[in-house]
Amino acid sequence: MKKKVLSVGQCVPDDGALKNYLTTHFDVEFTRSPNKEDALAKIRTQPFDLITVNRKLDEDYTDGMEVIKSIQSDPDINTTPVMLVTNYPESQDEAVAAGAEYGFGKLEYNKPEVLERLKKYLG
């Protein structure tokens, strides 16, 4: 059975790269969301196995932490694992402190530990 991933705030090229990476390694259905409001609406109406949030949303450069905090503060949707997509370790630490799982950066697609981290939710 396909796992469902919601990708929030990526630009088109990065979204394509993320989709390619995930579909190459896992049997996933990939859904895109441009902003916080759209993402929250989708999360409330369909189940996802993993939500990935860009550090800065491409649409308006909103801080992705705002999306994570909104998800984590809502008991109706905060059971879905969320990962921040960033190469900055300090941003990953901030996301984890807000309730997210430790994510990954776009420059880390070739690292085996990223696949292991994702396998927990998509394998």
PDB file of N, CA and C in Angstrom:
ATOM      1  N   MET A   1       0.837  -1.177   0.000  1.00  0.00           N
ATOM      2  CA  MET A   1       0.000   0.000   0.000  1.00  0.00           C
ATOM      3  C   MET A   1       0.886   1.246   0.000  1.00  0.00           C
ATOM      4  N   LYS A   2       0.551   2.169  -0.879  1.00  0.00           N
ATOM      5  CA  LYS A   2       1.333   3.401  -0.971  1.00  0.00           C
ATOM      6  C   LYS A   2       1.227   4.225   0.300  1.00  0.00           C
ATOM      7  N   LYS A   3       2.342   4.784   0.701  1.00  0.00           N
ATOM      8  CA  LYS A   3       2.370   5.748   1.801  1.00  0.00           C
ATOM      9  C   LYS A   3       2.128   7.126   1.198  1.00  0.00           C
ATOM     10  N   LYS A   4       1.526   8.007   1.989  1.00  0.00           N
ATOM     11  CA  LYS A   4       1.194   9.339   1.489  1.00  0.00           C
ATOM     12  C   LYS A   4       2.086  10.392   2.136  1.00  0.00           C
ATOM     13  N   VAL A   5       2.693  11.220   1.276  1.00  0.00           N
ATOM     14  CA  VAL A   5       3.583  12.289   1.721  1.00  0.00           C
ATOM     15  C   VAL A   5       3.000  13.628   1.283  1.00  0.00           C
ATOM     16  N   LEU A   6       2.979  14.579   2.209  1.00  0.00           N
ATOM     17  CA  LEU A   6       2.607  15.955   1.888  1.00  0.00           C
ATOM     18  C   LEU A   6       3.877  16.792   1.929  1.00  0.00           C
ATOM     19  N   SER A   7       4.181  17.455   0.827  1.00  0.00           N
ATOM     20  CA  SER A   7       5.355  18.325   0.723  1.00  0.00           C
ATOM     21  C   SER A   7       4.878  19.770   0.763  1.00  0.00           C
ATOM     22  N   VAL A   8       5.345  20.521   1.759  1.00  0.00           N
ATOM     23  CA  VAL A   8       4.870  21.889   1.971  1.00  0.00           C
ATOM     24  C   VAL A   8       5.976  22.900   1.676  1.00  0.00           C
ATOM     25  N   GLY A   9       5.684  23.826   0.761  1.00  0.00           N
ATOM     26  CA  GLY A   9       6.518  24.999   0.578  1.00  0.00           C
ATOM     27  C   GLY A   9       7.747  24.881  -0.288  1.00  0.00           C
ATOM     28  N   GLN A  10       7.893  23.793  -1.022  1.00  0.00           N
ATOM     29  CA  GLN A  10       9.057  23.655  -1.898  1.00  0.00           C
ATOM     30  C   GLN A  10       8.827  24.416  -3.204  1.00  0.00           C
ATOM     31  N   CYS A  11       9.894  24.909  -3.808  1.00  0.00           N
ATOM     32  CA  CYS A  11       9.790  25.456  -5.159  1.00  0.00           C
ATOM     33  C   CYS A  11       9.632  24.272  -6.119  1.00  0.00           C
ATOM     34  N   VAL A  12       9.226  24.540  -7.346  1.00  0.00           N
ATOM     35  CA  VAL A  12       8.950  23.461  -8.297  1.00  0.00           C
ATOM     36  C   VAL A  12      10.166  22.553  -8.516  1.00  0.00           C
ATOM     37  N   PRO A  13      11.363  23.090  -8.772  1.00  0.00           N
ATOM     38  CA  PRO A  13      12.502  22.177  -8.966  1.00  0.00           C
ATOM     39  C   PRO A  13      12.824  21.327  -7.729  1.00  0.00           C
ATOM     40  N   ASP A  14      12.782  21.938  -6.547  1.00  0.00           N
ATOM     41  CA  ASP A  14      13.076  21.177  -5.324  1.00  0.00           C
ATOM     42  C   ASP A  14      11.982  20.162  -5.027  1.00  0.00           C
ATOM     43  N   ASP A  15      10.728  20.521  -5.308  1.00  0.00           N
ATOM     44  CA  ASP A  15       9.634  19.571  -5.121  1.00  0.00           C
ATOM     45  C   ASP A  15       9.822  18.375  -6.046  1.00  0.00           C
ATOM     46  N   GLY A  16      10.222  18.647  -7.281  1.00  0.00           N
ATOM     47  CA  GLY A  16      10.473  17.564  -8.229  1.00  0.00           C
ATOM     48  C   GLY A  16      11.603  16.663  -7.769  1.00  0.00           C
ATOM     49  N   ALA A  17      12.660  17.263  -7.251  1.00  0.00           N
ATOM     50  CA  ALA A  17      13.793  16.473  -6.757  1.00  0.00           C
ATOM     51  C   ALA A  17      13.390  15.637  -5.547  1.00  0.00           C
ATOM     52  N   LEU A  18      12.605  16.225  -4.642  1.00  0.00           N
ATOM     53  CA  LEU A  18      12.145  15.494  -3.461  1.00  0.00           C
ATOM     54  C   LEU A  18      11.226  14.345  -3.865  1.00  0.00           C
ATOM     55  N   LYS A  19      10.299  14.622  -4.775  1.00  0.00           N
ATOM     56  CA  LYS A  19       9.393  13.567  -5.248  1.00  0.00           C
ATOM     57  C   LYS A  19      10.190  12.441  -5.897  1.00  0.00           C
ATOM     58  N   ASN A  20      11.143  12.787  -6.745  1.00  0.00           N
ATOM     59  CA  ASN A  20      11.967  11.781  -7.405  1.00  0.00           C
ATOM     60  C   ASN A  20      12.733  10.947  -6.382  1.00  0.00           C
ATOM     61  N   TYR A  21      13.318  11.602  -5.399  1.00  0.00           N
ATOM     62  CA  TYR A  21      14.069  10.901  -4.353  1.00  0.00           C
ATOM     63  C   TYR A  21      13.170   9.930  -3.592  1.00  0.00           C
ATOM     64  N   LEU A  22      12.019  10.416  -3.158  1.00  0.00           N
ATOM     65  CA  LEU A  22      11.128   9.570  -2.359  1.00  0.00           C
ATOM     66  C   LEU A  22      10.529   8.435  -3.177  1.00  0.00           C
ATOM     67  N   THR A  23      10.102   8.711  -4.417  1.00  0.00           N
ATOM     68  CA  THR A  23       9.480   7.659  -5.226  1.00  0.00           C
ATOM     69  C   THR A  23      10.507   6.656  -5.739  1.00  0.00           C
ATOM     70  N   THR A  24      11.769   7.040  -5.787  1.00  0.00           N
ATOM     71  CA  THR A  24      12.826   6.099  -6.166  1.00  0.00           C
ATOM     72  C   THR A  24      13.061   5.072  -5.059  1.00  0.00           C
ATOM     73  N   HIS A  25      12.923   5.495  -3.820  1.00  0.00           N
ATOM     74  CA  HIS A  25      13.258   4.627  -2.689  1.00  0.00           C
ATOM     75  C   HIS A  25      12.056   4.028  -1.961  1.00  0.00           C
ATOM     76  N   PHE A  26      10.876   4.614  -2.152  1.00  0.00           N
ATOM     77  CA  PHE A  26       9.689   4.160  -1.417  1.00  0.00           C
ATOM     78  C   PHE A  26       8.472   4.166  -2.340  1.00  0.00           C
ATOM     79  N   ASP A  27       7.467   3.395  -1.961  1.00  0.00           N
ATOM     80  CA  ASP A  27       6.200   3.373  -2.697  1.00  0.00           C
ATOM     81  C   ASP A  27       5.303   4.452  -2.095  1.00  0.00           C
ATOM     82  N   VAL A  28       5.389   5.664  -2.647  1.00  0.00           N
ATOM     83  CA  VAL A  28       4.678   6.797  -2.059  1.00  0.00           C
ATOM     84  C   VAL A  28       3.807   7.518  -3.075  1.00  0.00           C
ATOM     85  N   GLU A  29       2.762   8.119  -2.544  1.00  0.00           N
ATOM     86  CA  GLU A  29       1.933   9.064  -3.283  1.00  0.00           C
ATOM     87  C   GLU A  29       2.332  10.440  -2.770  1.00  0.00           C
ATOM     88  N   PHE A  30       2.672  11.331  -3.663  1.00  0.00           N
ATOM     89  CA  PHE A  30       3.270  12.624  -3.324  1.00  0.00           C
ATOM     90  C   PHE A  30       2.263  13.739  -3.593  1.00  0.00           C
ATOM     91  N   THR A  31       1.954  14.520  -2.558  1.00  0.00           N
ATOM     92  CA  THR A  31       1.026  15.645  -2.687  1.00  0.00           C
ATOM     93  C   THR A  31       1.774  16.926  -2.359  1.00  0.00           C
ATOM     94  N   ARG A  32       1.546  17.942  -3.170  1.00  0.00           N
ATOM     95  CA  ARG A  32       2.217  19.233  -2.963  1.00  0.00           C
ATOM     96  C   ARG A  32       1.275  20.230  -2.307  1.00  0.00           C
ATOM     97  N   SER A  33       1.860  21.120  -1.532  1.00  0.00           N
ATOM     98  CA  SER A  33       1.112  22.209  -0.911  1.00  0.00           C
ATOM     99  C   SER A  33       1.999  23.453  -0.901  1.00  0.00           C
ATOM    100  N   PRO A  34       1.479  24.598  -1.372  1.00  0.00           N
ATOM    101  CA  PRO A  34       2.326  25.782  -1.477  1.00  0.00           C
ATOM    102  C   PRO A  34       2.480  26.587  -0.194  1.00  0.00           C
ATOM    103  N   ASN A  35       1.508  26.452   0.739  1.00  0.00           N
ATOM    104  CA  ASN A  35       1.530  27.344   1.902  1.00  0.00           C
ATOM    105  C   ASN A  35       0.867  26.703   3.117  1.00  0.00           C
ATOM    106  N   LYS A  36       0.936  27.399   4.231  1.00  0.00           N
ATOM    107  CA  LYS A  36       0.428  26.871   5.501  1.00  0.00           C
ATOM    108  C   LYS A  36      -1.068  26.600   5.451  1.00  0.00           C
ATOM    109  N   GLU A  37      -1.849  27.539   4.950  1.00  0.00           N
ATOM    110  CA  GLU A  37      -3.304  27.379   4.952  1.00  0.00           C
ATOM    111  C   GLU A  37      -3.727  26.173   4.122  1.00  0.00           C
ATOM    112  N   ASP A  38      -3.147  26.037   2.939  1.00  0.00           N
ATOM    113  CA  ASP A  38      -3.461  24.904   2.076  1.00  0.00           C
ATOM    114  C   ASP A  38      -3.032  23.595   2.735  1.00  0.00           C
ATOM    115  N   ALA A  39      -1.849  23.598   3.334  1.00  0.00           N
ATOM    116  CA  ALA A  39      -1.351  22.386   3.998  1.00  0.00           C
ATOM    117  C   ALA A  39      -2.271  21.966   5.135  1.00  0.00           C
ATOM    118  N   LEU A  40      -2.659  22.906   5.982  1.00  0.00           N
ATOM    119  CA  LEU A  40      -3.536  22.569   7.112  1.00  0.00           C
ATOM    120  C   LEU A  40      -4.872  22.035   6.624  1.00  0.00           C
ATOM    121  N   ALA A  41      -5.412  22.611   5.558  1.00  0.00           N
ATOM    122  CA  ALA A  41      -6.677  22.121   5.001  1.00  0.00           C
ATOM    123  C   ALA A  41      -6.522  20.691   4.493  1.00  0.00           C
ATOM    124  N   LYS A  42      -5.426  20.405   3.809  1.00  0.00           N
ATOM    125  CA  LYS A  42      -5.200  19.049   3.296  1.00  0.00           C
ATOM    126  C   LYS A  42      -5.011  18.057   4.436  1.00  0.00           C
ATOM    127  N   ILE A  43      -4.262  18.450   5.457  1.00  0.00           N
ATOM    128  CA  ILE A  43      -4.007  17.552   6.587  1.00  0.00           C
ATOM    129  C   ILE A  43      -5.308  17.224   7.313  1.00  0.00           C
ATOM    130  N   ARG A  44      -6.216  18.167   7.370  1.00  0.00           N
ATOM    131  CA  ARG A  44      -7.492  17.941   8.064  1.00  0.00           C
ATOM    132  C   ARG A  44      -8.454  17.062   7.273  1.00  0.00           C
ATOM    133  N   THR A  45      -8.238  16.936   5.963  1.00  0.00           N
ATOM    134  CA  THR A  45      -9.198  16.199   5.137  1.00  0.00           C
ATOM    135  C   THR A  45      -8.667  14.899   4.558  1.00  0.00           C
ATOM    136  N   GLN A  46      -7.373  14.653   4.655  1.00  0.00           N
ATOM    137  CA  GLN A  46      -6.820  13.401   4.139  1.00  0.00           C
ATOM    138  C   GLN A  46      -5.673  12.923   5.022  1.00  0.00           C
ATOM    139  N   PRO A  47      -5.537  11.623   5.128  1.00  0.00           N
ATOM    140  CA  PRO A  47      -4.454  11.099   5.968  1.00  0.00           C
ATOM    141  C   PRO A  47      -3.113  11.128   5.235  1.00  0.00           C
ATOM    142  N   PHE A  48      -2.063  11.457   5.961  1.00  0.00           N
ATOM    143  CA  PHE A  48      -0.704  11.419   5.425  1.00  0.00           C
ATOM    144  C   PHE A  48       0.159  10.609   6.383  1.00  0.00           C
ATOM    145  N   ASP A  49       1.163   9.956   5.820  1.00  0.00           N
ATOM    146  CA  ASP A  49       2.109   9.195   6.630  1.00  0.00           C
ATOM    147  C   ASP A  49       3.310  10.038   7.034  1.00  0.00           C
ATOM    148  N   LEU A  50       3.579  11.091   6.259  1.00  0.00           N
ATOM    149  CA  LEU A  50       4.695  11.990   6.544  1.00  0.00           C
ATOM    150  C   LEU A  50       4.413  13.346   5.908  1.00  0.00           C
ATOM    151  N   ILE A  51       4.767  14.397   6.632  1.00  0.00           N
ATOM    152  CA  ILE A  51       4.674  15.760   6.113  1.00  0.00           C
ATOM    153  C   ILE A  51       6.086  16.327   6.105  1.00  0.00           C
ATOM    154  N   THR A  52       6.526  16.825   4.951  1.00  0.00           N
ATOM    155  CA  THR A  52       7.819  17.504   4.870  1.00  0.00           C
ATOM    156  C   THR A  52       7.548  18.993   4.677  1.00  0.00           C
ATOM    157  N   VAL A  53       8.279  19.818   5.416  1.00  0.00           N
ATOM    158  CA  VAL A  53       8.073  21.270   5.373  1.00  0.00           C
ATOM    159  C   VAL A  53       9.401  21.941   5.056  1.00  0.00           C
ATOM    160  N   ASN A  54       9.404  22.773   4.027  1.00  0.00           N
ATOM    161  CA  ASN A  54      10.613  23.516   3.681  1.00  0.00           C
ATOM    162  C   ASN A  54      10.910  24.560   4.752  1.00  0.00           C
ATOM    163  N   ARG A  55      12.175  24.841   4.972  1.00  0.00           N
ATOM    164  CA  ARG A  55      12.568  25.823   5.988  1.00  0.00           C
ATOM    165  C   ARG A  55      11.976  27.192   5.690  1.00  0.00           C
ATOM    166  N   LYS A  56      11.981  27.591   4.445  1.00  0.00           N
ATOM    167  CA  LYS A  56      11.357  28.841   4.008  1.00  0.00           C
ATOM    168  C   LYS A  56      10.416  28.495   2.860  1.00  0.00           C
ATOM    169  N   LEU A  57       9.126  28.795   3.021  1.00  0.00           N
ATOM    170  CA  LEU A  57       8.156  28.443   1.994  1.00  0.00           C
ATOM    171  C   LEU A  57       8.406  29.274   0.743  1.00  0.00           C
ATOM    172  N   ASP A  58       8.443  28.610  -0.395  1.00  0.00           N
ATOM    173  CA  ASP A  58       8.773  29.272  -1.650  1.00  0.00           C
ATOM    174  C   ASP A  58       7.758  30.355  -2.024  1.00  0.00           C
ATOM    175  N   GLU A  59       6.491  30.124  -1.730  1.00  0.00           N
ATOM    176  CA  GLU A  59       5.442  31.052  -2.158  1.00  0.00           C
ATOM    177  C   GLU A  59       5.645  32.473  -1.631  1.00  0.00           C
ATOM    178  N   ASP A  60       5.969  32.602  -0.349  1.00  0.00           N
ATOM    179  CA  ASP A  60       6.091  33.946   0.231  1.00  0.00           C
ATOM    180  C   ASP A  60       7.225  34.055   1.253  1.00  0.00           C
ATOM    181  N   TYR A  61       8.069  33.047   1.301  1.00  0.00           N
ATOM    182  CA  TYR A  61       9.218  32.986   2.199  1.00  0.00           C
ATOM    183  C   TYR A  61       8.822  32.972   3.679  1.00  0.00           C
ATOM    184  N   THR A  62       7.608  32.516   3.964  1.00  0.00           N
ATOM    185  CA  THR A  62       7.176  32.300   5.341  1.00  0.00           C
ATOM    186  C   THR A  62       8.090  31.264   5.984  1.00  0.00           C
ATOM    187  N   ASP A  63       8.343  31.403   7.257  1.00  0.00           N
ATOM    188  CA  ASP A  63       9.165  30.454   7.994  1.00  0.00           C
ATOM    189  C   ASP A  63       8.413  29.130   8.126  1.00  0.00           C
ATOM    190  N   GLY A  64       9.035  28.048   7.668  1.00  0.00           N
ATOM    191  CA  GLY A  64       8.423  26.727   7.763  1.00  0.00           C
ATOM    192  C   GLY A  64       8.129  26.306   9.191  1.00  0.00           C
ATOM    193  N   MET A  65       8.834  26.885  10.152  1.00  0.00           N
ATOM    194  CA  MET A  65       8.564  26.578  11.557  1.00  0.00           C
ATOM    195  C   MET A  65       7.139  26.968  11.938  1.00  0.00           C
ATOM    196  N   GLU A  66       6.577  27.977  11.290  1.00  0.00           N
ATOM    197  CA  GLU A  66       5.193  28.371  11.571  1.00  0.00           C
ATOM    198  C   GLU A  66       4.230  27.255  11.181  1.00  0.00           C
ATOM    199  N   VAL A  67       4.522  26.569  10.096  1.00  0.00           N
ATOM    200  CA  VAL A  67       3.699  25.433   9.677  1.00  0.00           C
ATOM    201  C   VAL A  67       3.820  24.316  10.710  1.00  0.00           C
ATOM    202  N   ILE A  68       5.045  24.007  11.101  1.00  0.00           N
ATOM    203  CA  ILE A  68       5.270  22.939  12.083  1.00  0.00           C
ATOM    204  C   ILE A  68       4.571  23.259  13.399  1.00  0.00           C
ATOM    205  N   LYS A  69       4.707  24.470  13.871  1.00  0.00           N
ATOM    206  CA  LYS A  69       4.061  24.857  15.134  1.00  0.00           C
ATOM    207  C   LYS A  69       2.543  24.777  15.035  1.00  0.00           C
ATOM    208  N   SER A  70       1.980  25.156  13.896  1.00  0.00           N
ATOM    209  CA  SER A  70       0.526  25.070  13.715  1.00  0.00           C
ATOM    210  C   SER A  70       0.057  23.617  13.742  1.00  0.00           C
ATOM    211  N   ILE A  71       0.809  22.749  13.095  1.00  0.00           N
ATOM    212  CA  ILE A  71       0.456  21.325  13.097  1.00  0.00           C
ATOM    213  C   ILE A  71       0.566  20.761  14.510  1.00  0.00           C
ATOM    214  N   GLN A  72       1.674  21.027  15.169  1.00  0.00           N
ATOM    215  CA  GLN A  72       1.921  20.447  16.489  1.00  0.00           C
ATOM    216  C   GLN A  72       0.967  20.974  17.554  1.00  0.00           C
ATOM    217  N   SER A  73       0.435  22.168  17.373  1.00  0.00           N
ATOM    218  CA  SER A  73      -0.465  22.732  18.388  1.00  0.00           C
ATOM    219  C   SER A  73      -1.909  22.288  18.213  1.00  0.00           C
ATOM    220  N   ASP A  74      -2.199  21.541  17.153  1.00  0.00           N
ATOM    221  CA  ASP A  74      -3.572  21.106  16.884  1.00  0.00           C
ATOM    222  C   ASP A  74      -3.701  19.614  17.177  1.00  0.00           C
ATOM    223  N   PRO A  75      -4.390  19.239  18.262  1.00  0.00           N
ATOM    224  CA  PRO A  75      -4.478  17.823  18.634  1.00  0.00           C
ATOM    225  C   PRO A  75      -5.196  16.954  17.601  1.00  0.00           C
ATOM    226  N   ASP A  76      -5.952  17.562  16.698  1.00  0.00           N
ATOM    227  CA  ASP A  76      -6.639  16.783  15.667  1.00  0.00           C
ATOM    228  C   ASP A  76      -5.698  16.338  14.548  1.00  0.00           C
ATOM    229  N   ILE A  77      -4.559  16.995  14.409  1.00  0.00           N
ATOM    230  CA  ILE A  77      -3.659  16.659  13.295  1.00  0.00           C
ATOM    231  C   ILE A  77      -2.214  16.425  13.719  1.00  0.00           C
ATOM    232  N   ASN A  78      -1.897  16.585  14.984  1.00  0.00           N
ATOM    233  CA  ASN A  78      -0.485  16.526  15.386  1.00  0.00           C
ATOM    234  C   ASN A  78       0.074  15.114  15.557  1.00  0.00           C
ATOM    235  N   THR A  79      -0.667  14.106  15.139  1.00  0.00           N
ATOM    236  CA  THR A  79      -0.152  12.738  15.233  1.00  0.00           C
ATOM    237  C   THR A  79       0.631  12.328  13.987  1.00  0.00           C
ATOM    238  N   THR A  80       0.538  13.108  12.919  1.00  0.00           N
ATOM    239  CA  THR A  80       1.281  12.803  11.700  1.00  0.00           C
ATOM    240  C   THR A  80       2.720  13.291  11.840  1.00  0.00           C
ATOM    241  N   PRO A  81       3.706  12.441  11.561  1.00  0.00           N
ATOM    242  CA  PRO A  81       5.099  12.873  11.654  1.00  0.00           C
ATOM    243  C   PRO A  81       5.404  14.005  10.665  1.00  0.00           C
ATOM    244  N   VAL A  82       6.178  14.968  11.135  1.00  0.00           N
ATOM    245  CA  VAL A  82       6.572  16.124  10.328  1.00  0.00           C
ATOM    246  C   VAL A  82       8.093  16.210  10.339  1.00  0.00           C
ATOM    247  N   MET A  83       8.677  16.504   9.176  1.00  0.00           N
ATOM    248  CA  MET A  83      10.122  16.713   9.067  1.00  0.00           C
ATOM    249  C   MET A  83      10.392  18.034   8.370  1.00  0.00           C
ATOM    250  N   LEU A  84      11.346  18.774   8.884  1.00  0.00           N
ATOM    251  CA  LEU A  84      11.796  19.999   8.247  1.00  0.00           C
ATOM    252  C   LEU A  84      12.837  19.644   7.187  1.00  0.00           C
ATOM    253  N   VAL A  85      12.709  20.268   6.014  1.00  0.00           N
ATOM    254  CA  VAL A  85      13.683  20.071   4.948  1.00  0.00           C
ATOM    255  C   VAL A  85      14.621  21.272   4.949  1.00  0.00           C
ATOM    256  N   THR A  86      15.830  21.052   5.459  1.00  0.00           N
ATOM    257  CA  THR A  86      16.849  22.101   5.519  1.00  0.00           C
ATOM    258  C   THR A  86      18.215  21.481   5.740  1.00  0.00           C
ATOM    259  N   ASN A  87      19.228  22.162   5.259  1.00  0.00           N
ATOM    260  CA  ASN A  87      20.604  21.722   5.486  1.00  0.00           C
ATOM    261  C   ASN A  87      21.191  22.306   6.762  1.00  0.00           C
ATOM    262  N   TYR A  88      20.442  23.158   7.453  1.00  0.00           N
ATOM    263  CA  TYR A  88      20.951  23.835   8.648  1.00  0.00           C
ATOM    264  C   TYR A  88      20.643  23.037   9.918  1.00  0.00           C
ATOM    265  N   PRO A  89      21.669  22.499  10.594  1.00  0.00           N
ATOM    266  CA  PRO A  89      21.446  21.710  11.809  1.00  0.00           C
ATOM    267  C   PRO A  89      20.710  22.481  12.901  1.00  0.00           C
ATOM    268  N   GLU A  90      20.984  23.777  13.047  1.00  0.00           N
ATOM    269  CA  GLU A  90      20.308  24.555  14.087  1.00  0.00           C
ATOM    270  C   GLU A  90      18.806  24.670  13.803  1.00  0.00           C
ATOM    271  N   SER A  91      18.431  24.706  12.527  1.00  0.00           N
ATOM    272  CA  SER A  91      17.008  24.730  12.179  1.00  0.00           C
ATOM    273  C   SER A  91      16.369  23.374  12.452  1.00  0.00           C
ATOM    274  N   GLN A  92      17.117  22.291  12.192  1.00  0.00           N
ATOM    275  CA  GLN A  92      16.613  20.948  12.520  1.00  0.00           C
ATOM    276  C   GLN A  92      16.376  20.839  14.021  1.00  0.00           C
ATOM    277  N   ASP A  93      17.305  21.345  14.805  1.00  0.00           N
ATOM    278  CA  ASP A  93      17.158  21.298  16.266  1.00  0.00           C
ATOM    279  C   ASP A  93      15.927  22.077  16.718  1.00  0.00           C
ATOM    280  N   GLU A  94      15.696  23.230  16.108  1.00  0.00           N
ATOM    281  CA  GLU A  94      14.523  24.037  16.444  1.00  0.00           C
ATOM    282  C   GLU A  94      13.234  23.290  16.092  1.00  0.00           C
ATOM    283  N   ALA A  95      13.232  22.613  14.946  1.00  0.00           N
ATOM    284  CA  ALA A  95      12.053  21.851  14.531  1.00  0.00           C
ATOM    285  C   ALA A  95      11.779  20.700  15.499  1.00  0.00           C
ATOM    286  N   VAL A  96      12.820  19.998  15.899  1.00  0.00           N
ATOM    287  CA  VAL A  96      12.664  18.891  16.849  1.00  0.00           C
ATOM    288  C   VAL A  96      12.129  19.417  18.179  1.00  0.00           C
ATOM    289  N   ALA A  97      12.645  20.545  18.624  1.00  0.00           N
ATOM    290  CA  ALA A  97      12.163  21.142  19.876  1.00  0.00           C
ATOM    291  C   ALA A  97      10.684  21.513  19.786  1.00  0.00           C
ATOM    292  N   ALA A  98      10.208  21.789  18.562  1.00  0.00           N
ATOM    293  CA  ALA A  98       8.799  22.142  18.360  1.00  0.00           C
ATOM    294  C   ALA A  98       7.916  20.915  18.148  1.00  0.00           C
ATOM    295  N   GLY A  99       8.522  19.713  18.143  1.00  0.00           N
ATOM    296  CA  GLY A  99       7.735  18.492  18.029  1.00  0.00           C
ATOM    297  C   GLY A  99       7.901  17.725  16.736  1.00  0.00           C
ATOM    298  N   ALA A 100       8.737  18.212  15.824  1.00  0.00           N
ATOM    299  CA  ALA A 100       8.967  17.506  14.563  1.00  0.00           C
ATOM    300  C   ALA A 100       9.983  16.385  14.758  1.00  0.00           C
ATOM    301  N   GLU A 101      10.037  15.501  13.779  1.00  0.00           N
ATOM    302  CA  GLU A 101      11.087  14.491  13.720  1.00  0.00           C
ATOM    303  C   GLU A 101      12.310  15.143  13.085  1.00  0.00           C
ATOM    304  N   TYR A 102      13.497  14.616  13.371  1.00  0.00           N
ATOM    305  CA  TYR A 102      14.699  15.184  12.752  1.00  0.00           C
ATOM    306  C   TYR A 102      14.617  14.941  11.252  1.00  0.00           C
ATOM    307  N   GLY A 103      14.703  15.996  10.470  1.00  0.00           N
ATOM    308  CA  GLY A 103      14.532  15.905   9.026  1.00  0.00           C
ATOM    309  C   GLY A 103      15.834  15.727   8.270  1.00  0.00           C
ATOM    310  N   PHE A 104      15.904  16.357   7.123  1.00  0.00           N
ATOM    311  CA  PHE A 104      17.049  16.204   6.235  1.00  0.00           C
ATOM    312  C   PHE A 104      17.138  17.419   5.328  1.00  0.00           C
ATOM    313  N   GLY A 105      18.308  17.589   4.733  1.00  0.00           N
ATOM    314  CA  GLY A 105      18.524  18.678   3.796  1.00  0.00           C
ATOM    315  C   GLY A 105      18.566  18.180   2.369  1.00  0.00           C
ATOM    316  N   LYS A 106      18.391  19.083   1.458  1.00  0.00           N
ATOM    317  CA  LYS A 106      18.401  18.736   0.035  1.00  0.00           C
ATOM    318  C   LYS A 106      19.771  18.254  -0.425  1.00  0.00           C
ATOM    319  N   LEU A 107      20.804  18.611   0.314  1.00  0.00           N
ATOM    320  CA  LEU A 107      22.149  18.163  -0.040  1.00  0.00           C
ATOM    321  C   LEU A 107      22.475  16.793   0.556  1.00  0.00           C
ATOM    322  N   GLU A 108      21.519  16.194   1.270  1.00  0.00           N
ATOM    323  CA  GLU A 108      21.763  14.929   1.976  1.00  0.00           C
ATOM    324  C   GLU A 108      21.071  13.727   1.335  1.00  0.00           C
ATOM    325  N   TYR A 109      20.514  13.892   0.148  1.00  0.00           N
ATOM    326  CA  TYR A 109      19.786  12.788  -0.472  1.00  0.00           C
ATOM    327  C   TYR A 109      20.639  11.540  -0.662  1.00  0.00           C
ATOM    328  N   ASN A 110      21.945  11.702  -0.768  1.00  0.00           N
ATOM    329  CA  ASN A 110      22.817  10.546  -0.992  1.00  0.00           C
ATOM    330  C   ASN A 110      23.275   9.878   0.300  1.00  0.00           C
ATOM    331  N   LYS A 111      22.843  10.366   1.438  1.00  0.00           N
ATOM    332  CA  LYS A 111      23.308   9.811   2.713  1.00  0.00           C
ATOM    333  C   LYS A 111      22.398   8.663   3.171  1.00  0.00           C
ATOM    334  N   PRO A 112      22.984   7.506   3.485  1.00  0.00           N
ATOM    335  CA  PRO A 112      22.191   6.353   3.912  1.00  0.00           C
ATOM    336  C   PRO A 112      21.360   6.624   5.165  1.00  0.00           C
ATOM    337  N   GLU A 113      21.858   7.470   6.068  1.00  0.00           N
ATOM    338  CA  GLU A 113      21.107   7.729   7.300  1.00  0.00           C
ATOM    339  C   GLU A 113      19.791   8.463   7.030  1.00  0.00           C
ATOM    340  N   VAL A 114      19.721   9.210   5.931  1.00  0.00           N
ATOM    341  CA  VAL A 114      18.464   9.878   5.581  1.00  0.00           C
ATOM    342  C   VAL A 114      17.430   8.836   5.161  1.00  0.00           C
ATOM    343  N   LEU A 115      17.859   7.867   4.360  1.00  0.00           N
ATOM    344  CA  LEU A 115      16.949   6.782   3.976  1.00  0.00           C
ATOM    345  C   LEU A 115      16.461   6.021   5.198  1.00  0.00           C
ATOM    346  N   GLU A 116      17.353   5.754   6.130  1.00  0.00           N
ATOM    347  CA  GLU A 116      16.961   5.050   7.359  1.00  0.00           C
ATOM    348  C   GLU A 116      15.949   5.865   8.156  1.00  0.00           C
ATOM    349  N   ARG A 117      16.160   7.154   8.231  1.00  0.00           N
ATOM    350  CA  ARG A 117      15.245   8.039   8.952  1.00  0.00           C
ATOM    351  C   ARG A 117      13.858   8.013   8.299  1.00  0.00           C
ATOM    352  N   LEU A 118      13.835   8.046   6.974  1.00  0.00           N
ATOM    353  CA  LEU A 118      12.569   8.059   6.246  1.00  0.00           C
ATOM    354  C   LEU A 118      11.881   6.696   6.268  1.00  0.00           C
ATOM    355  N   LYS A 119      12.669   5.626   6.295  1.00  0.00           N
ATOM    356  CA  LYS A 119      12.115   4.266   6.273  1.00  0.00           C
ATOM    357  C   LYS A 119      11.168   4.031   7.446  1.00  0.00           C
ATOM    358  N   LYS A 120      11.431   4.675   8.554  1.00  0.00           N
ATOM    359  CA  LYS A 120      10.576   4.541   9.736  1.00  0.00           C
ATOM    360  C   LYS A 120       9.125   4.915   9.421  1.00  0.00           C
ATOM    361  N   TYR A 121       8.936   5.853   8.495  1.00  0.00           N
ATOM    362  CA  TYR A 121       7.599   6.343   8.169  1.00  0.00           C
ATOM    363  C   TYR A 121       7.102   5.885   6.807  1.00  0.00           C
ATOM    364  N   LEU A 122       8.018   5.568   5.899  1.00  0.00           N
ATOM    365  CA  LEU A 122       7.621   5.263   4.527  1.00  0.00           C
ATOM    366  C   LEU A 122       7.962   3.849   4.081  1.00  0.00           C
ATOM    367  N   GLY A 123       8.738   3.124   4.902  1.00  0.00           N
ATOM    368  CA  GLY A 123       9.196   1.790   4.514  1.00  0.00           C
ATOM    369  C   GLY A 123       8.155   0.720   4.704  1.00  0.00           C
TER     370      GLY A 123
END
